[in-house]
Amino acid sequence: MQRKNYLLNRTSHKRGFAMMMALAVIVVIATIMALSLSLTAKTTKKTADIYLNEQAILLAKSATEYQLLRIAQNPPCTDLDISFLQDTIYTIDITSRYVYYDDPTTAVADDACTLAGRPTLLYTPVTTPQQDGSVLIDVAVSVNDVNLSSEPVRYFRRTIQKL
């Protein structure tokens, strides 16, 4: 006679265990997908911020070269401070301060270092002739649109150039 073991052949307990395992697997997969979605969103924002920052660095270098070109085309102490928009995304502000050993108004016949009949502070006198003829260029690049980046993007570059 054959002995029947009903302890192992119960089907009601097996169905309940399978249901609990299926729910556990679904919860684990949902958690992993939520974490990956969050990481993807953060990575996208970070990539956009890095791109905007690199663009700002390149624009600051280009603006410095542009300012040096403008200085070469104009007489000493000409007010060449400029502010302009690049593709309506970036604002670029350029300021220049000249460094001279002697008063540059005596060297320039048309008195370029005066503005509306009064002297300007576009230059700084120095004490040694070796420092004569330099310019300090400050370039600030900032992002106008706050919807483009998750944090403010602003890059500042200061350059000292011999004339």
N, C-alpha and C. Protein backbone atom coordinates (compact mmCIF):
# COMPACT_ATOMS: atom_id res chain seq x y z
N MET A 1 0.81 -1.16 0.00
CA MET A 1 0.00 0.00 0.00
C MET A 1 0.88 1.26 0.00
N GLN A 2 0.46 2.24 -0.72
CA GLN A 2 1.22 3.45 -0.91
C GLN A 2 0.80 4.51 0.11
N ARG A 3 1.83 5.13 0.69
CA ARG A 3 1.54 6.16 1.68
C ARG A 3 1.46 7.51 1.00
N LYS A 4 0.44 8.27 1.28
CA LYS A 4 0.26 9.59 0.67
C LYS A 4 0.64 10.66 1.68
N ASN A 5 1.51 11.55 1.24
CA ASN A 5 1.98 12.63 2.09
C ASN A 5 1.27 13.90 1.68
N TYR A 6 0.30 14.31 2.45
CA TYR A 6 -0.47 15.50 2.12
C TYR A 6 0.18 16.80 2.61
N LEU A 7 1.25 16.68 3.41
CA LEU A 7 1.91 17.89 3.88
C LEU A 7 2.59 18.66 2.75
N LEU A 8 3.18 17.96 1.81
CA LEU A 8 3.91 18.62 0.74
C LEU A 8 3.04 18.95 -0.46
N ASN A 9 1.89 18.38 -0.54
CA ASN A 9 1.06 18.58 -1.71
C ASN A 9 -0.04 19.61 -1.50
N ARG A 10 0.06 20.39 -0.50
CA ARG A 10 -0.95 21.43 -0.30
C ARG A 10 -0.73 22.55 -1.31
N THR A 11 -1.69 22.86 -2.09
CA THR A 11 -1.54 23.88 -3.13
C THR A 11 -1.93 25.26 -2.63
N SER A 12 -2.70 25.37 -1.59
CA SER A 12 -3.13 26.68 -1.11
C SER A 12 -1.96 27.47 -0.53
N HIS A 13 -1.04 26.84 0.16
CA HIS A 13 0.13 27.54 0.72
C HIS A 13 1.10 27.95 -0.38
N LYS A 14 1.22 27.17 -1.43
CA LYS A 14 2.13 27.50 -2.51
C LYS A 14 1.64 28.73 -3.27
N ARG A 15 0.37 28.86 -3.48
CA ARG A 15 -0.14 30.03 -4.20
C ARG A 15 0.07 31.30 -3.39
N GLY A 16 -0.11 31.28 -2.12
CA GLY A 16 0.10 32.46 -1.27
C GLY A 16 1.55 32.87 -1.23
N PHE A 17 2.47 31.92 -1.17
CA PHE A 17 3.89 32.22 -1.16
C PHE A 17 4.32 32.82 -2.49
N ALA A 18 3.81 32.32 -3.59
CA ALA A 18 4.14 32.84 -4.91
C ALA A 18 3.64 34.28 -5.05
N MET A 19 2.49 34.56 -4.51
CA MET A 19 1.94 35.92 -4.57
C MET A 19 2.83 36.89 -3.78
N MET A 20 3.29 36.48 -2.60
CA MET A 20 4.16 37.33 -1.80
C MET A 20 5.51 37.54 -2.50
N MET A 21 6.04 36.54 -3.13
CA MET A 21 7.30 36.67 -3.87
C MET A 21 7.13 37.61 -5.07
N ALA A 22 6.01 37.51 -5.76
CA ALA A 22 5.76 38.39 -6.91
C ALA A 22 5.66 39.84 -6.45
N LEU A 23 4.99 40.11 -5.34
CA LEU A 23 4.89 41.47 -4.81
C LEU A 23 6.26 42.00 -4.38
N ALA A 24 7.07 41.15 -3.76
CA ALA A 24 8.41 41.56 -3.34
C ALA A 24 9.27 41.92 -4.55
N VAL A 25 9.19 41.12 -5.60
CA VAL A 25 9.96 41.40 -6.81
C VAL A 25 9.49 42.71 -7.44
N ILE A 26 8.19 42.95 -7.47
CA ILE A 26 7.67 44.20 -8.04
C ILE A 26 8.13 45.40 -7.23
N VAL A 27 8.13 45.30 -5.91
CA VAL A 27 8.59 46.40 -5.06
C VAL A 27 10.07 46.68 -5.29
N VAL A 28 10.88 45.64 -5.39
CA VAL A 28 12.32 45.82 -5.62
C VAL A 28 12.57 46.47 -6.98
N ILE A 29 11.90 46.01 -8.01
CA ILE A 29 12.08 46.57 -9.35
C ILE A 29 11.59 48.02 -9.39
N ALA A 30 10.47 48.33 -8.73
CA ALA A 30 9.96 49.71 -8.71
C ALA A 30 10.95 50.64 -7.99
N THR A 31 11.57 50.17 -6.92
CA THR A 31 12.55 50.98 -6.20
C THR A 31 13.77 51.25 -7.07
N ILE A 32 14.25 50.25 -7.75
CA ILE A 32 15.41 50.42 -8.63
C ILE A 32 15.08 51.39 -9.77
N MET A 33 13.90 51.28 -10.33
CA MET A 33 13.51 52.18 -11.43
C MET A 33 13.37 53.62 -10.92
N ALA A 34 12.83 53.82 -9.71
CA ALA A 34 12.70 55.17 -9.16
C ALA A 34 14.07 55.79 -8.92
N LEU A 35 15.00 55.00 -8.40
CA LEU A 35 16.36 55.50 -8.18
C LEU A 35 17.05 55.84 -9.49
N SER A 36 16.88 55.01 -10.50
CA SER A 36 17.52 55.28 -11.80
C SER A 36 16.91 56.51 -12.45
N LEU A 37 15.62 56.72 -12.31
CA LEU A 37 14.98 57.91 -12.86
C LEU A 37 15.49 59.17 -12.17
N SER A 38 15.62 59.11 -10.85
CA SER A 38 16.15 60.24 -10.09
C SER A 38 17.60 60.54 -10.50
N LEU A 39 18.40 59.51 -10.65
CA LEU A 39 19.80 59.69 -11.04
C LEU A 39 19.88 60.26 -12.45
N THR A 40 19.02 59.83 -13.34
CA THR A 40 19.02 60.35 -14.71
C THR A 40 18.66 61.84 -14.71
N ALA A 41 17.70 62.25 -13.92
CA ALA A 41 17.31 63.66 -13.86
C ALA A 41 18.46 64.51 -13.31
N LYS A 42 19.12 64.03 -12.27
CA LYS A 42 20.24 64.77 -11.70
C LYS A 42 21.40 64.86 -12.69
N THR A 43 21.66 63.78 -13.40
CA THR A 43 22.75 63.77 -14.37
C THR A 43 22.47 64.74 -15.51
N THR A 44 21.24 64.82 -15.95
CA THR A 44 20.87 65.74 -17.02
C THR A 44 21.07 67.19 -16.59
N LYS A 45 20.65 67.53 -15.38
CA LYS A 45 20.84 68.89 -14.87
C LYS A 45 22.32 69.21 -14.74
N LYS A 46 23.10 68.26 -14.21
CA LYS A 46 24.52 68.48 -14.02
C LYS A 46 25.23 68.66 -15.36
N THR A 47 24.82 67.87 -16.36
CA THR A 47 25.42 68.00 -17.69
C THR A 47 25.12 69.37 -18.28
N ALA A 48 23.91 69.85 -18.12
CA ALA A 48 23.55 71.18 -18.63
C ALA A 48 24.35 72.27 -17.92
N ASP A 49 24.53 72.14 -16.61
CA ASP A 49 25.31 73.12 -15.86
C ASP A 49 26.77 73.13 -16.30
N ILE A 50 27.33 71.95 -16.52
CA ILE A 50 28.73 71.85 -16.97
C ILE A 50 28.88 72.48 -18.35
N TYR A 51 27.92 72.21 -19.23
CA TYR A 51 27.96 72.79 -20.57
C TYR A 51 27.90 74.32 -20.52
N LEU A 52 26.99 74.86 -19.73
CA LEU A 52 26.87 76.32 -19.62
C LEU A 52 28.14 76.94 -19.02
N ASN A 53 28.74 76.26 -18.06
CA ASN A 53 29.97 76.76 -17.45
C ASN A 53 31.12 76.76 -18.45
N GLU A 54 31.25 75.69 -19.23
CA GLU A 54 32.31 75.63 -20.24
C GLU A 54 32.11 76.70 -21.30
N GLN A 55 30.87 76.93 -21.70
CA GLN A 55 30.57 77.99 -22.66
C GLN A 55 30.96 79.35 -22.09
N ALA A 56 30.67 79.57 -20.81
CA ALA A 56 31.02 80.84 -20.16
C ALA A 56 32.53 81.04 -20.14
N ILE A 57 33.29 79.98 -19.88
CA ILE A 57 34.75 80.08 -19.87
C ILE A 57 35.27 80.46 -21.25
N LEU A 58 34.75 79.80 -22.28
CA LEU A 58 35.18 80.10 -23.64
C LEU A 58 34.79 81.52 -24.06
N LEU A 59 33.60 81.96 -23.67
CA LEU A 59 33.18 83.33 -23.99
C LEU A 59 34.05 84.35 -23.28
N ALA A 60 34.47 84.07 -22.05
CA ALA A 60 35.34 84.99 -21.32
C ALA A 60 36.70 85.12 -22.01
N LYS A 61 37.23 84.01 -22.49
CA LYS A 61 38.51 84.07 -23.22
C LYS A 61 38.36 84.86 -24.51
N SER A 62 37.27 84.63 -25.22
CA SER A 62 37.04 85.37 -26.46
C SER A 62 36.81 86.85 -26.20
N ALA A 63 36.09 87.17 -25.14
CA ALA A 63 35.86 88.57 -24.80
C ALA A 63 37.15 89.28 -24.43
N THR A 64 38.06 88.59 -23.77
CA THR A 64 39.36 89.17 -23.43
C THR A 64 40.14 89.50 -24.71
N GLU A 65 40.16 88.57 -25.64
CA GLU A 65 40.85 88.82 -26.91
C GLU A 65 40.19 89.95 -27.69
N TYR A 66 38.88 90.00 -27.65
CA TYR A 66 38.15 91.08 -28.32
C TYR A 66 38.49 92.44 -27.70
N GLN A 67 38.59 92.47 -26.39
CA GLN A 67 38.92 93.72 -25.71
C GLN A 67 40.35 94.16 -26.05
N LEU A 68 41.27 93.22 -26.15
CA LEU A 68 42.64 93.56 -26.54
C LEU A 68 42.68 94.13 -27.96
N LEU A 69 41.86 93.59 -28.84
CA LEU A 69 41.77 94.13 -30.20
C LEU A 69 41.24 95.56 -30.18
N ARG A 70 40.21 95.80 -29.37
CA ARG A 70 39.65 97.15 -29.28
C ARG A 70 40.66 98.13 -28.68
N ILE A 71 41.46 97.67 -27.72
CA ILE A 71 42.47 98.53 -27.11
C ILE A 71 43.54 98.88 -28.14
N ALA A 72 43.92 97.92 -28.97
CA ALA A 72 44.93 98.18 -29.99
C ALA A 72 44.44 99.17 -31.05
N GLN A 73 43.14 99.25 -31.26
CA GLN A 73 42.59 100.14 -32.27
C GLN A 73 42.29 101.54 -31.75
N ASN A 74 42.36 101.77 -30.44
CA ASN A 74 41.99 103.05 -29.84
C ASN A 74 43.17 103.66 -29.10
N PRO A 75 43.14 104.98 -28.88
CA PRO A 75 44.23 105.63 -28.13
C PRO A 75 44.20 105.25 -26.66
N PRO A 76 45.27 105.57 -25.91
CA PRO A 76 45.32 105.23 -24.49
C PRO A 76 44.18 105.87 -23.70
N CYS A 77 43.77 105.22 -22.66
CA CYS A 77 42.74 105.68 -21.72
C CYS A 77 41.37 105.85 -22.35
N THR A 78 41.13 105.26 -23.48
CA THR A 78 39.80 105.32 -24.06
C THR A 78 38.88 104.42 -23.24
N ASP A 79 37.71 104.93 -22.94
CA ASP A 79 36.76 104.15 -22.15
C ASP A 79 36.17 103.07 -23.05
N LEU A 80 36.62 101.84 -22.84
CA LEU A 80 36.18 100.72 -23.68
C LEU A 80 35.33 99.72 -22.91
N ASP A 81 34.81 100.12 -21.76
CA ASP A 81 33.96 99.20 -21.00
C ASP A 81 32.72 98.89 -21.82
N ILE A 82 32.36 97.63 -21.85
CA ILE A 82 31.26 97.21 -22.71
C ILE A 82 30.46 96.12 -22.02
N SER A 83 29.21 96.07 -22.32
CA SER A 83 28.33 95.01 -21.84
C SER A 83 27.43 94.61 -23.00
N PHE A 84 27.37 93.30 -23.29
CA PHE A 84 26.53 92.87 -24.39
C PHE A 84 25.99 91.47 -24.13
N LEU A 85 24.98 91.12 -24.91
CA LEU A 85 24.35 89.80 -24.81
C LEU A 85 24.90 88.89 -25.89
N GLN A 86 25.08 87.64 -25.56
CA GLN A 86 25.49 86.62 -26.52
C GLN A 86 24.35 85.62 -26.65
N ASP A 87 23.67 85.61 -27.77
CA ASP A 87 22.55 84.69 -28.05
C ASP A 87 21.44 84.81 -27.00
N THR A 88 21.28 85.94 -26.38
CA THR A 88 20.29 86.22 -25.32
C THR A 88 20.35 85.23 -24.16
N ILE A 89 21.41 84.48 -24.07
CA ILE A 89 21.59 83.55 -22.95
C ILE A 89 22.62 84.11 -21.97
N TYR A 90 23.71 84.63 -22.50
CA TYR A 90 24.81 85.10 -21.67
C TYR A 90 24.89 86.62 -21.70
N THR A 91 25.22 87.20 -20.54
CA THR A 91 25.56 88.62 -20.46
C THR A 91 27.05 88.71 -20.21
N ILE A 92 27.74 89.50 -21.03
CA ILE A 92 29.19 89.63 -20.92
C ILE A 92 29.50 91.08 -20.57
N ASP A 93 30.17 91.30 -19.44
CA ASP A 93 30.57 92.63 -19.00
C ASP A 93 32.10 92.71 -19.01
N ILE A 94 32.63 93.71 -19.72
CA ILE A 94 34.07 93.88 -19.82
C ILE A 94 34.43 95.25 -19.29
N THR A 95 35.39 95.31 -18.35
CA THR A 95 35.91 96.58 -17.86
C THR A 95 37.43 96.56 -17.98
N SER A 96 37.99 97.71 -18.28
CA SER A 96 39.44 97.83 -18.46
C SER A 96 39.97 98.96 -17.61
N ARG A 97 41.11 98.73 -16.99
CA ARG A 97 41.82 99.76 -16.23
C ARG A 97 43.27 99.75 -16.71
N TYR A 98 43.75 100.93 -17.08
CA TYR A 98 45.09 101.04 -17.62
C TYR A 98 46.10 101.30 -16.50
N VAL A 99 47.35 100.90 -16.73
CA VAL A 99 48.44 101.11 -15.78
C VAL A 99 49.55 101.83 -16.54
N TYR A 100 49.90 103.06 -16.07
CA TYR A 100 50.95 103.86 -16.71
C TYR A 100 51.91 104.37 -15.65
N TYR A 101 53.16 104.61 -16.08
CA TYR A 101 54.16 105.20 -15.21
C TYR A 101 53.97 106.71 -15.14
N ASP A 102 53.81 107.32 -16.28
CA ASP A 102 53.56 108.76 -16.36
C ASP A 102 52.09 108.99 -16.63
N ASP A 103 51.68 110.23 -16.44
CA ASP A 103 50.31 110.60 -16.76
C ASP A 103 50.11 110.47 -18.27
N PRO A 104 49.22 109.63 -18.71
CA PRO A 104 49.06 109.44 -20.16
C PRO A 104 48.46 110.65 -20.87
N THR A 105 47.92 111.62 -20.12
CA THR A 105 47.36 112.80 -20.77
C THR A 105 48.47 113.66 -21.38
N THR A 106 49.67 113.60 -20.81
CA THR A 106 50.77 114.39 -21.37
C THR A 106 51.30 113.76 -22.65
N ALA A 107 51.12 112.45 -22.79
CA ALA A 107 51.65 111.76 -23.96
C ALA A 107 50.67 111.80 -25.12
N VAL A 108 49.42 112.09 -24.86
CA VAL A 108 48.41 112.07 -25.90
C VAL A 108 48.00 113.50 -26.20
N ALA A 109 48.09 113.88 -27.46
CA ALA A 109 47.83 115.27 -27.84
C ALA A 109 46.36 115.64 -27.68
N ASP A 110 45.45 114.69 -27.96
CA ASP A 110 44.03 115.04 -27.92
C ASP A 110 43.42 114.84 -26.54
N ASP A 111 44.24 114.63 -25.53
CA ASP A 111 43.79 114.51 -24.16
C ASP A 111 42.71 113.43 -24.01
N ALA A 112 43.07 112.20 -24.36
CA ALA A 112 42.12 111.09 -24.38
C ALA A 112 41.73 110.63 -22.98
N CYS A 113 42.48 111.02 -21.97
CA CYS A 113 42.16 110.57 -20.62
C CYS A 113 41.23 111.53 -19.88
N THR A 114 40.63 112.42 -20.56
CA THR A 114 39.62 113.27 -19.95
C THR A 114 38.28 112.95 -20.60
N LEU A 115 37.26 113.03 -19.81
CA LEU A 115 35.92 112.76 -20.31
C LEU A 115 35.05 113.96 -19.95
N ALA A 116 34.55 114.67 -20.92
CA ALA A 116 33.73 115.87 -20.74
C ALA A 116 34.51 116.94 -19.98
N GLY A 117 35.83 117.07 -20.28
CA GLY A 117 36.64 118.12 -19.69
C GLY A 117 37.21 117.79 -18.33
N ARG A 118 36.88 116.66 -17.74
CA ARG A 118 37.43 116.31 -16.42
C ARG A 118 38.21 115.00 -16.52
N PRO A 119 39.27 114.86 -15.74
CA PRO A 119 40.06 113.63 -15.81
C PRO A 119 39.25 112.42 -15.34
N THR A 120 39.52 111.33 -15.96
CA THR A 120 38.84 110.09 -15.57
C THR A 120 39.80 109.22 -14.78
N LEU A 121 39.27 108.23 -14.13
CA LEU A 121 40.08 107.28 -13.36
C LEU A 121 40.22 105.97 -14.13
N LEU A 122 40.48 106.10 -15.43
CA LEU A 122 40.63 104.91 -16.25
C LEU A 122 42.03 104.33 -16.16
N TYR A 123 42.92 105.03 -15.48
CA TYR A 123 44.28 104.52 -15.38
C TYR A 123 44.76 104.61 -13.93
N THR A 124 45.80 103.84 -13.64
CA THR A 124 46.40 103.83 -12.31
C THR A 124 47.88 104.12 -12.48
N PRO A 125 48.42 105.13 -11.79
CA PRO A 125 49.87 105.37 -11.89
C PRO A 125 50.66 104.33 -11.08
N VAL A 126 51.81 103.95 -11.61
CA VAL A 126 52.69 103.01 -10.91
C VAL A 126 54.03 103.69 -10.68
N THR A 127 54.87 103.06 -9.89
CA THR A 127 56.10 103.72 -9.45
C THR A 127 57.33 103.38 -10.27
N THR A 128 57.31 102.30 -11.03
CA THR A 128 58.50 101.93 -11.79
C THR A 128 58.20 101.92 -13.28
N PRO A 129 59.17 102.32 -14.09
CA PRO A 129 58.95 102.33 -15.54
C PRO A 129 58.75 100.91 -16.11
N GLN A 130 59.21 99.88 -15.41
CA GLN A 130 59.05 98.52 -15.92
C GLN A 130 57.59 98.08 -15.97
N GLN A 131 56.76 98.71 -15.14
CA GLN A 131 55.35 98.35 -15.11
C GLN A 131 54.51 99.17 -16.09
N ASP A 132 55.15 100.09 -16.80
CA ASP A 132 54.44 101.02 -17.66
C ASP A 132 53.75 100.29 -18.82
N GLY A 133 52.56 100.76 -19.15
CA GLY A 133 51.85 100.28 -20.33
C GLY A 133 51.21 98.93 -20.18
N SER A 134 50.37 98.77 -19.19
CA SER A 134 49.63 97.53 -18.99
C SER A 134 48.15 97.84 -18.88
N VAL A 135 47.37 96.81 -19.03
CA VAL A 135 45.93 96.96 -18.89
C VAL A 135 45.40 95.80 -18.07
N LEU A 136 44.48 96.11 -17.18
CA LEU A 136 43.82 95.10 -16.36
C LEU A 136 42.41 94.93 -16.92
N ILE A 137 42.12 93.74 -17.43
CA ILE A 137 40.83 93.48 -18.07
C ILE A 137 40.04 92.52 -17.18
N ASP A 138 38.86 92.96 -16.79
CA ASP A 138 37.94 92.11 -16.03
C ASP A 138 36.77 91.73 -16.94
N VAL A 139 36.52 90.42 -17.04
CA VAL A 139 35.42 89.92 -17.86
C VAL A 139 34.53 89.09 -16.95
N ALA A 140 33.24 89.41 -16.93
CA ALA A 140 32.26 88.65 -16.16
C ALA A 140 31.20 88.13 -17.13
N VAL A 141 31.03 86.82 -17.14
CA VAL A 141 30.04 86.18 -17.99
C VAL A 141 29.01 85.52 -17.08
N SER A 142 27.74 85.82 -17.30
CA SER A 142 26.68 85.22 -16.49
C SER A 142 25.53 84.78 -17.39
N VAL A 143 24.77 83.80 -16.90
CA VAL A 143 23.65 83.27 -17.65
C VAL A 143 22.40 84.06 -17.28
N ASN A 144 21.67 84.52 -18.29
CA ASN A 144 20.45 85.30 -18.07
C ASN A 144 19.27 84.42 -17.66
N ASP A 145 19.07 83.34 -18.35
CA ASP A 145 17.87 82.51 -18.20
C ASP A 145 18.04 81.55 -17.03
N VAL A 146 17.22 81.70 -15.99
CA VAL A 146 17.31 80.82 -14.83
C VAL A 146 16.69 79.46 -15.10
N ASN A 147 15.93 79.32 -16.17
CA ASN A 147 15.32 78.03 -16.51
C ASN A 147 16.31 77.07 -17.15
N LEU A 148 17.47 77.58 -17.58
CA LEU A 148 18.44 76.72 -18.24
C LEU A 148 19.30 75.92 -17.27
N SER A 149 19.50 76.43 -16.09
CA SER A 149 20.39 75.74 -15.16
C SER A 149 19.75 75.65 -13.78
N SER A 150 20.18 74.66 -13.03
CA SER A 150 19.64 74.46 -11.69
C SER A 150 20.30 75.38 -10.66
N GLU A 151 21.44 75.93 -11.01
CA GLU A 151 22.12 76.87 -10.13
C GLU A 151 22.65 78.03 -10.97
N PRO A 152 22.89 79.19 -10.36
CA PRO A 152 23.38 80.33 -11.14
C PRO A 152 24.77 80.05 -11.71
N VAL A 153 24.95 80.39 -12.97
CA VAL A 153 26.24 80.21 -13.63
C VAL A 153 26.84 81.59 -13.88
N ARG A 154 28.00 81.83 -13.28
CA ARG A 154 28.71 83.10 -13.45
C ARG A 154 30.19 82.79 -13.45
N TYR A 155 30.89 83.34 -14.43
CA TYR A 155 32.33 83.12 -14.55
C TYR A 155 33.01 84.48 -14.62
N PHE A 156 34.08 84.64 -13.84
CA PHE A 156 34.82 85.90 -13.79
C PHE A 156 36.27 85.62 -14.17
N ARG A 157 36.81 86.45 -15.05
CA ARG A 157 38.19 86.29 -15.48
C ARG A 157 38.89 87.64 -15.43
N ARG A 158 40.06 87.68 -14.80
CA ARG A 158 40.87 88.90 -14.72
C ARG A 158 42.19 88.63 -15.44
N THR A 159 42.54 89.54 -16.34
CA THR A 159 43.76 89.39 -17.14
C THR A 159 44.58 90.67 -17.07
N ILE A 160 45.88 90.53 -16.91
CA ILE A 160 46.80 91.66 -16.97
C ILE A 160 47.61 91.46 -18.26
N GLN A 161 47.57 92.49 -19.11
CA GLN A 161 48.22 92.38 -20.42
C GLN A 161 49.10 93.59 -20.65
N LYS A 162 50.33 93.34 -21.15
CA LYS A 162 51.20 94.45 -21.52
C LYS A 162 50.73 95.07 -22.82
N LEU A 163 50.83 96.39 -22.90
CA LEU A 163 50.43 97.10 -24.13
C LEU A 163 51.61 97.31 -25.05
